[in-house]
Amino acid sequence: MALLRFNIVKRLFWRKRGIFALKLLFFTVSVLIFCEFIIYYIVIIQCHWPQLKAPRAIELTSDSVLKAMFIADTHLLGEINGHWLDKLRREWQMERAFQTSLWLLQPEIVFILGDVFDEGKWSSSQAWSDDVRRFLKMFRHPVQTEIMVIVGNHDIGFHYEMTAFKLERFSKVFNFASGKIVTRKGVNFIMVNSVALEGDGCSICRTAEARLAQLSHKLNCSLREGIQHKERCSDADKIPASVPILLQHYPLYRRSDSNCTGEDSAPLDKKNDLFREKYDVLSQEASQKLLWWFQPRLILSGHTHSACEVLHNGKIPEISVPSFSWRNRNNPSFILGTLTSTDFSLDKCFLPYENTVITLYCTAGAVLMVFILARLQLLVSPFRFVQHLITKYKAL
């Protein structure tokens, strides 16, 4: 009889321990699912496509409105500087953010504004292939969504590291060419290799500038009318008559980020740092050339990892898009654009903050530890502790 009771008690004990272990497992898995999946939906579902201003927007249809998404500086880590845990964490964050954004927002086209890779400037052929494979997995997309990629200095190197081989392998993977025009729904995008706008006459620089000048001629012919222009433009290909949007990695020249505002602008201790021409921003000469050639209605750039809005010549807005990766920012974001051939409207969409996710994990870990200690009776409950103090006080 005693043995039977002992066996029953033993079974109940192990059953309770098993149930407790299952509860702990369920709690842990729930926290993981929330922090690695659900939080992206909760944050990104708050983003919406911006509305165009009336009254023009009233006459527009889905055939004339383009929904574009702009991200920058993903910096996929390479084999030299990339620790495996850093790779895993940051690349998973970007993959979940991108895939969730595609599912919720369904953009028609996505532009990545350079520095796709962190070590493209010196990676071997094998390392490059591995980086490209990881990029294609992370930024996979349905057939109805296009992805266009602009070259950055980390993809092919700064000007004096840039070679024809590096540029060619990038162009082969992403179908990129400086001075390439992409037209969707009547909206003209000019894709610029800003690394090649050094102005020193190097072969890559000469080719890039010649293409841009030729494209400027074609655009001007499309935008202007008259007998005189028809004579000059008899050999020019026809391009939709829409003022272009410039897409590049380096921002146009500005002294610093001192006038930039917003929670994702540069930190206060760096805002007044003077930018170096041809390193942090384009040179004044190259910037003026682009403005004179294209007179764009909008410019989007990356490189600084921080947000900024600048007005060039008092009328041309430039938006510096912050980095998409936790490795560069605690609060990454991207830009949503509703565009037509004559109008545009932009809005910013933030991703989950890294410190929010870390706080959630730390809180969950503390709660888990309290449960375990309480279960092992190593933690006295507050009620019993107070009761013990009262009893001891009365005894005195």
Protein backbone atom coordinates (compact mmCIF):
# COMPACT_ATOMS: atom_id res chain seq x y z
CA MET A 1 0.00 0.00 0.00
CA ALA A 2 2.76 2.41 0.95
CA LEU A 3 4.61 1.54 -2.25
CA LEU A 4 1.47 2.27 -4.29
CA ARG A 5 1.08 5.67 -2.63
CA PHE A 6 4.72 6.42 -3.29
CA ASN A 7 4.34 5.59 -6.99
CA ILE A 8 1.22 7.80 -7.27
CA VAL A 9 2.98 10.73 -5.56
CA LYS A 10 6.02 10.21 -7.79
CA ARG A 11 3.84 10.25 -10.93
CA LEU A 12 2.04 13.40 -9.82
CA PHE A 13 5.38 15.07 -9.09
CA TRP A 14 6.79 14.30 -12.54
CA ARG A 15 3.50 15.23 -14.19
CA LYS A 16 3.53 18.66 -12.50
CA ARG A 17 7.15 19.15 -13.52
CA GLY A 18 6.28 18.19 -17.09
CA ILE A 19 3.36 20.63 -17.17
CA PHE A 20 5.57 23.39 -15.76
CA ALA A 21 8.26 22.66 -18.37
CA LEU A 22 5.63 22.84 -21.12
CA LYS A 23 4.43 26.19 -19.78
CA LEU A 24 7.99 27.53 -19.81
CA LEU A 25 8.46 26.24 -23.36
CA PHE A 26 5.18 27.80 -24.50
CA PHE A 27 6.14 31.14 -22.91
CA THR A 28 9.61 31.10 -24.52
CA VAL A 29 8.29 30.17 -27.98
CA SER A 30 5.56 32.85 -27.72
CA VAL A 31 8.17 35.53 -26.93
CA LEU A 32 10.34 34.39 -29.85
CA ILE A 33 7.43 34.42 -32.29
CA PHE A 34 6.35 37.87 -31.12
CA CYS A 35 9.83 39.43 -31.28
CA GLU A 36 10.90 37.80 -34.53
CA PHE A 37 7.63 37.85 -36.51
CA ILE A 38 4.57 39.53 -35.05
CA ILE A 39 6.22 42.80 -34.01
CA TYR A 40 7.05 43.56 -37.65
CA TYR A 41 3.38 43.30 -38.60
CA ILE A 42 2.27 45.43 -35.64
CA VAL A 43 4.71 48.23 -36.56
CA ILE A 44 4.56 48.18 -40.37
CA ILE A 45 0.76 47.86 -40.59
CA GLN A 46 0.64 51.43 -39.26
CA CYS A 47 2.30 52.66 -42.49
CA HIS A 48 0.13 53.86 -45.37
CA TRP A 49 0.68 55.03 -48.91
CA PRO A 50 0.66 58.84 -48.99
CA GLN A 51 -2.17 60.58 -50.81
CA LEU A 52 -1.57 62.93 -53.70
CA LYS A 53 -2.84 66.45 -53.30
CA ALA A 54 -6.26 67.37 -54.75
CA PRO A 55 -7.61 68.33 -57.21
CA ARG A 56 -5.34 66.39 -59.60
CA ALA A 57 -5.62 63.20 -57.56
CA ILE A 58 -9.38 63.04 -58.21
CA GLU A 59 -8.84 62.26 -61.92
CA LEU A 60 -6.11 59.66 -61.41
CA THR A 61 -6.51 55.91 -61.86
CA SER A 62 -4.39 52.96 -60.77
CA ASP A 63 -2.88 52.89 -64.28
CA SER A 64 -1.34 56.34 -63.81
CA VAL A 65 -0.28 56.11 -60.13
CA LEU A 66 2.95 54.30 -59.23
CA LYS A 67 3.58 52.96 -55.73
CA ALA A 68 7.33 52.92 -55.09
CA MET A 69 9.34 51.95 -52.03
CA PHE A 70 12.84 53.35 -51.37
CA ILE A 71 15.36 51.76 -49.02
CA ALA A 72 19.10 52.36 -48.56
CA ASP A 73 22.32 50.98 -47.09
CA THR A 74 21.45 47.39 -46.29
CA HIS A 75 25.17 46.55 -45.89
CA LEU A 76 25.00 42.76 -46.02
CA LEU A 77 28.07 41.65 -44.09
CA GLY A 78 30.89 39.76 -45.81
CA GLU A 79 33.34 37.06 -44.82
CA ILE A 80 36.03 39.45 -43.51
CA ASN A 81 34.30 41.82 -41.07
CA GLY A 82 31.04 39.94 -40.62
CA HIS A 83 30.73 37.91 -37.42
CA TRP A 84 28.29 35.03 -37.92
CA LEU A 85 26.00 36.15 -35.08
CA ASP A 86 25.96 39.75 -36.36
CA LYS A 87 25.10 38.44 -39.83
CA LEU A 88 22.34 36.22 -38.51
CA ARG A 89 20.71 38.90 -36.37
CA ARG A 90 20.87 41.86 -38.75
CA GLU A 91 20.06 39.93 -41.91
CA TRP A 92 17.08 38.25 -40.27
CA GLN A 93 15.83 41.70 -39.17
CA MET A 94 16.08 43.06 -42.72
CA GLU A 95 14.53 39.95 -44.26
CA ARG A 96 11.53 40.02 -41.93
CA ALA A 97 11.11 43.79 -42.37
CA PHE A 98 11.26 43.56 -46.16
CA GLN A 99 9.01 40.52 -46.52
CA THR A 100 6.44 41.98 -44.10
CA SER A 101 6.49 45.30 -45.99
CA LEU A 102 5.92 43.51 -49.31
CA TRP A 103 3.01 41.52 -47.88
CA LEU A 104 1.29 44.47 -46.18
CA LEU A 105 2.06 47.34 -48.58
CA GLN A 106 2.46 45.55 -51.95
CA PRO A 107 4.67 48.12 -53.72
CA GLU A 108 4.93 47.94 -57.49
CA ILE A 109 8.62 48.78 -57.53
CA VAL A 110 11.39 48.87 -54.91
CA PHE A 111 14.57 50.93 -55.27
CA ILE A 112 17.64 50.15 -53.15
CA LEU A 113 19.86 53.24 -53.09
CA GLY A 114 23.30 51.66 -52.88
CA ASP A 115 25.60 49.92 -50.40
CA VAL A 116 23.71 46.69 -50.77
CA PHE A 117 26.83 44.86 -49.59
CA ASP A 118 29.36 45.85 -46.96
CA GLU A 119 32.43 44.24 -48.54
CA GLY A 120 31.72 44.33 -52.28
CA LYS A 121 34.68 46.66 -52.69
CA TRP A 122 37.17 43.92 -51.79
CA SER A 123 35.29 40.59 -51.78
CA SER A 124 36.61 37.64 -53.78
CA SER A 125 34.55 36.01 -56.53
CA GLN A 126 33.45 33.25 -54.16
CA ALA A 127 32.54 35.70 -51.38
CA TRP A 128 30.67 37.88 -53.89
CA SER A 129 28.63 34.89 -55.09
CA ASP A 130 27.77 34.00 -51.49
CA ASP A 131 26.72 37.60 -50.74
CA VAL A 132 24.54 37.73 -53.85
CA ARG A 133 22.90 34.42 -52.93
CA ARG A 134 22.02 35.74 -49.47
CA PHE A 135 20.71 39.00 -50.94
CA LEU A 136 18.42 37.16 -53.38
CA LYS A 137 17.05 35.06 -50.51
CA MET A 138 16.46 38.02 -48.18
CA PHE A 139 14.95 40.29 -50.81
CA ARG A 140 12.95 37.69 -52.71
CA HIS A 141 9.80 39.17 -54.19
CA PRO A 142 6.73 38.24 -56.24
CA VAL A 143 6.77 38.71 -60.01
CA GLN A 144 4.45 41.71 -59.80
CA THR A 145 7.05 43.65 -57.77
CA GLU A 146 10.25 44.93 -59.38
CA ILE A 147 13.51 45.57 -57.56
CA MET A 148 15.99 48.09 -58.97
CA VAL A 149 19.39 48.52 -57.32
CA ILE A 150 21.72 51.54 -57.52
CA VAL A 151 25.45 51.11 -56.97
CA GLY A 152 27.18 52.42 -53.81
CA ASN A 153 30.77 52.83 -52.67
CA HIS A 154 30.70 49.65 -50.57
CA ASP A 155 29.52 47.68 -53.61
CA ILE A 156 32.41 48.61 -55.91
CA GLY A 157 34.72 50.69 -53.71
CA PHE A 158 35.38 54.40 -53.39
CA HIS A 159 36.55 56.09 -56.57
CA TYR A 160 40.21 54.99 -56.28
CA GLU A 161 39.18 51.41 -55.40
CA MET A 162 36.59 51.20 -58.19
CA THR A 163 37.53 48.98 -61.13
CA ALA A 164 35.80 47.96 -64.34
CA PHE A 165 35.68 44.36 -63.05
CA LYS A 166 33.83 45.29 -59.84
CA LEU A 167 31.41 47.54 -61.70
CA GLU A 168 30.77 44.89 -64.35
CA ARG A 169 29.99 42.13 -61.86
CA PHE A 170 27.60 44.44 -60.01
CA SER A 171 25.92 45.51 -63.26
CA LYS A 172 25.61 41.89 -64.38
CA VAL A 173 23.74 40.86 -61.22
CA PHE A 174 21.51 43.94 -60.90
CA ASN A 175 21.25 45.12 -64.52
CA PHE A 176 22.62 48.50 -63.46
CA ALA A 177 24.11 51.19 -65.69
CA SER A 178 24.90 54.78 -64.83
CA GLY A 179 22.75 57.09 -66.86
CA LYS A 180 20.05 54.47 -67.20
CA ILE A 181 16.48 55.70 -67.34
CA VAL A 182 13.68 53.58 -65.90
CA THR A 183 10.16 54.65 -66.87
CA ARG A 184 7.13 53.21 -65.12
CA LYS A 185 3.61 54.57 -65.64
CA GLY A 186 5.04 57.72 -67.21
CA VAL A 187 7.39 58.39 -64.26
CA ASN A 188 11.05 58.81 -65.27
CA PHE A 189 13.76 57.64 -62.86
CA ILE A 190 17.44 58.42 -63.58
CA MET A 191 19.83 55.91 -61.99
CA VAL A 192 23.22 57.50 -61.30
CA ASN A 193 26.57 55.92 -60.44
CA SER A 194 27.54 58.70 -58.04
CA VAL A 195 30.87 56.98 -57.22
CA ALA A 196 31.97 57.71 -60.82
CA LEU A 197 31.29 61.46 -60.59
CA GLU A 198 34.79 62.22 -59.38
CA GLY A 199 35.53 64.63 -62.20
CA ASP A 200 39.12 63.47 -62.74
CA GLY A 201 38.61 62.05 -66.22
CA CYS A 202 39.05 58.37 -65.35
CA SER A 203 37.68 55.99 -68.01
CA ILE A 204 34.69 54.89 -65.91
CA CYS A 205 34.00 58.53 -64.98
CA ARG A 206 34.14 59.69 -68.60
CA THR A 207 31.74 56.95 -69.69
CA ALA A 208 29.31 57.69 -66.85
CA GLU A 209 29.30 61.44 -67.54
CA ALA A 210 28.91 60.94 -71.30
CA ARG A 211 25.85 58.73 -70.74
CA LEU A 212 24.32 61.25 -68.36
CA ALA A 213 24.90 64.11 -70.80
CA GLN A 214 23.35 62.08 -73.62
CA LEU A 215 20.35 61.20 -71.47
CA SER A 216 19.96 64.86 -70.50
CA HIS A 217 19.76 65.73 -74.19
CA LYS A 218 17.05 63.10 -74.77
CA LEU A 219 15.01 64.29 -71.80
CA ASN A 220 15.25 67.94 -72.82
CA CYS A 221 14.06 67.01 -76.30
CA SER A 222 11.03 65.24 -74.83
CA LEU A 223 10.16 68.11 -72.49
CA ARG A 224 10.56 71.00 -74.93
CA GLU A 225 8.69 71.81 -78.12
CA GLY A 226 9.24 74.12 -81.06
CA ILE A 227 10.82 74.08 -84.51
CA GLN A 228 14.26 74.93 -83.19
CA HIS A 229 14.20 72.04 -80.72
CA LYS A 230 12.83 69.62 -83.34
CA GLU A 231 15.86 70.28 -85.51
CA ARG A 232 18.24 69.63 -82.62
CA CYS A 233 16.33 66.55 -81.48
CA SER A 234 15.85 64.73 -84.77
CA ASP A 235 18.23 61.96 -83.65
CA ALA A 236 16.97 61.68 -80.05
CA ASP A 237 14.96 58.69 -78.83
CA LYS A 238 11.49 59.48 -77.59
CA ILE A 239 11.15 59.52 -73.77
CA PRO A 240 7.89 60.25 -71.88
CA ALA A 241 7.62 63.98 -71.21
CA SER A 242 7.98 63.89 -67.44
CA VAL A 243 10.49 65.76 -65.27
CA PRO A 244 12.76 63.02 -63.86
CA ILE A 245 13.47 61.75 -60.35
CA LEU A 246 17.18 61.27 -59.59
CA LEU A 247 18.23 58.12 -57.70
CA GLN A 248 21.82 57.86 -56.41
CA HIS A 249 23.90 56.73 -53.47
CA TYR A 250 25.89 59.85 -52.56
CA PRO A 251 23.83 62.92 -51.60
CA LEU A 252 24.34 66.14 -53.52
CA TYR A 253 26.74 68.59 -51.92
CA ARG A 254 25.77 70.07 -48.54
CA ARG A 255 28.06 71.39 -45.83
CA SER A 256 26.72 69.18 -43.03
CA ASP A 257 23.57 67.72 -41.49
CA SER A 258 23.18 70.70 -39.15
CA ASN A 259 19.81 71.68 -40.66
CA CYS A 260 18.42 68.14 -40.71
CA THR A 261 15.60 67.37 -38.31
CA GLY A 262 13.63 64.37 -37.13
CA GLU A 263 14.19 61.47 -34.78
CA ASP A 264 16.15 59.57 -37.44
CA SER A 265 18.44 62.45 -38.41
CA ALA A 266 22.13 62.40 -37.49
CA PRO A 267 23.02 62.34 -33.75
CA LEU A 268 23.46 65.75 -32.14
CA ASP A 269 27.20 65.27 -31.66
CA LYS A 270 27.67 64.63 -35.40
CA LYS A 271 25.23 67.07 -36.97
CA ASN A 272 27.77 69.87 -37.26
CA ASP A 273 30.56 67.69 -38.66
CA LEU A 274 31.58 69.11 -42.03
CA PHE A 275 31.10 66.75 -44.97
CA ARG A 276 34.04 65.92 -47.23
CA GLU A 277 33.40 66.34 -50.94
CA LYS A 278 33.70 63.14 -53.00
CA TYR A 279 33.59 61.09 -49.79
CA ASP A 280 30.53 62.00 -47.70
CA VAL A 281 28.74 63.92 -50.46
CA LEU A 282 29.26 64.70 -54.15
CA SER A 283 31.50 67.61 -55.05
CA GLN A 284 29.92 70.99 -55.66
CA GLU A 285 30.87 70.71 -59.34
CA ALA A 286 29.26 67.27 -59.82
CA SER A 287 26.16 68.37 -57.90
CA GLN A 288 25.69 71.43 -60.09
CA LYS A 289 26.16 69.34 -63.22
CA LEU A 290 23.37 66.94 -62.23
CA LEU A 291 21.04 69.78 -61.34
CA TRP A 292 21.81 71.60 -64.60
CA TRP A 293 21.56 68.49 -66.78
CA PHE A 294 18.26 67.15 -65.42
CA GLN A 295 16.57 69.84 -63.32
CA PRO A 296 14.87 67.00 -61.42
CA ARG A 297 11.67 67.39 -59.45
CA LEU A 298 12.96 65.08 -56.70
CA ILE A 299 16.26 63.48 -55.61
CA LEU A 300 16.59 60.42 -53.38
CA SER A 301 19.95 59.36 -51.94
CA GLY A 302 21.50 57.28 -49.14
CA HIS A 303 25.07 56.90 -47.81
CA THR A 304 24.85 58.95 -44.59
CA HIS A 305 22.65 56.34 -42.80
CA SER A 306 20.60 59.25 -41.42
CA ALA A 307 17.53 61.14 -42.61
CA CYS A 308 17.69 64.61 -44.08
CA GLU A 309 15.62 66.86 -46.31
CA VAL A 310 17.41 69.51 -48.36
CA LEU A 311 16.11 72.05 -50.86
CA HIS A 312 18.49 72.72 -53.76
CA ASN A 313 18.29 76.00 -55.67
CA GLY A 314 15.28 76.83 -53.53
CA LYS A 315 12.96 74.41 -55.35
CA ILE A 316 14.40 70.88 -55.81
CA PRO A 317 13.92 68.62 -52.77
CA GLU A 318 16.42 65.91 -51.88
CA ILE A 319 15.56 63.17 -49.41
CA SER A 320 18.40 61.25 -47.77
CA VAL A 321 16.98 57.83 -46.89
CA PRO A 322 18.24 56.32 -43.59
CA SER A 323 19.80 52.87 -43.39
CA PHE A 324 17.48 49.86 -43.45
CA SER A 325 19.66 47.87 -41.03
CA TRP A 326 19.87 47.70 -37.24
CA ARG A 327 23.63 47.54 -37.68
CA ASN A 328 23.65 51.22 -38.66
CA ARG A 329 20.62 52.55 -36.77
CA ASN A 330 18.47 51.72 -33.79
CA ASN A 331 15.45 53.08 -35.70
CA PRO A 332 15.73 52.10 -39.39
CA SER A 333 13.09 53.22 -41.87
CA PHE A 334 12.20 53.44 -45.55
CA ILE A 335 10.29 55.80 -47.82
CA LEU A 336 6.93 55.18 -49.47
CA GLY A 337 6.20 57.20 -52.60
CA THR A 338 2.96 57.71 -54.50
CA LEU A 339 4.06 59.01 -57.89
CA THR A 340 2.61 60.21 -61.17
CA SER A 341 4.22 61.81 -64.22
CA THR A 342 3.52 65.27 -62.77
CA ASP A 343 3.17 64.87 -59.01
CA PHE A 344 4.51 62.94 -56.02
CA SER A 345 3.84 62.43 -52.34
CA LEU A 346 6.22 60.78 -49.87
CA ASP A 347 5.87 59.28 -46.41
CA LYS A 348 8.24 57.53 -44.04
CA CYS A 349 7.71 54.09 -42.52
CA PHE A 350 9.68 53.10 -39.43
CA LEU A 351 10.70 49.54 -38.60
CA PRO A 352 10.71 48.10 -35.06
CA TYR A 353 13.38 49.71 -32.90
CA GLU A 354 16.22 47.39 -31.92
CA ASN A 355 16.21 48.55 -28.30
CA THR A 356 12.48 47.73 -28.07
CA VAL A 357 13.14 44.13 -29.09
CA ILE A 358 16.10 43.87 -26.69
CA THR A 359 13.93 45.25 -23.84
CA LEU A 360 11.22 42.70 -24.61
CA TYR A 361 13.72 39.84 -24.47
CA CYS A 362 15.27 41.10 -21.20
CA THR A 363 11.84 41.50 -19.59
CA ALA A 364 10.77 38.04 -20.73
CA GLY A 365 14.04 36.58 -19.42
CA ALA A 366 13.49 38.21 -16.00
CA VAL A 367 9.90 36.90 -15.81
CA LEU A 368 11.12 33.43 -16.78
CA MET A 369 13.76 33.49 -14.06
CA VAL A 370 11.19 34.54 -11.44
CA PHE A 371 8.92 31.64 -12.44
CA ILE A 372 11.77 29.13 -12.23
CA LEU A 373 13.01 30.38 -8.85
CA ALA A 374 9.47 30.39 -7.46
CA ARG A 375 8.93 26.86 -8.71
CA LEU A 376 12.13 25.70 -7.04
CA GLN A 377 10.97 27.51 -3.87
CA LEU A 378 14.14 29.60 -3.92
CA LEU A 379 12.09 32.76 -4.16
CA VAL A 380 9.85 33.75 -1.23
CA SER A 381 6.54 35.21 -2.36
CA PRO A 382 5.94 38.85 -1.31
CA PHE A 383 2.87 37.81 0.76
CA ARG A 384 4.81 35.23 2.76
CA PHE A 385 7.71 37.64 3.22
CA VAL A 386 5.42 40.35 4.67
CA GLN A 387 3.63 37.78 6.84
CA HIS A 388 6.99 36.60 8.17
CA LEU A 389 8.01 40.16 9.07
CA ILE A 390 4.70 40.80 10.91
CA THR A 391 5.03 37.56 12.92
CA LYS A 392 8.59 38.40 13.86
CA TYR A 393 7.57 41.94 14.92
CA LYS A 394 4.75 40.60 17.15
CA ALA A 395 7.12 38.15 18.78
CA LEU A 396 9.32 41.06 19.86
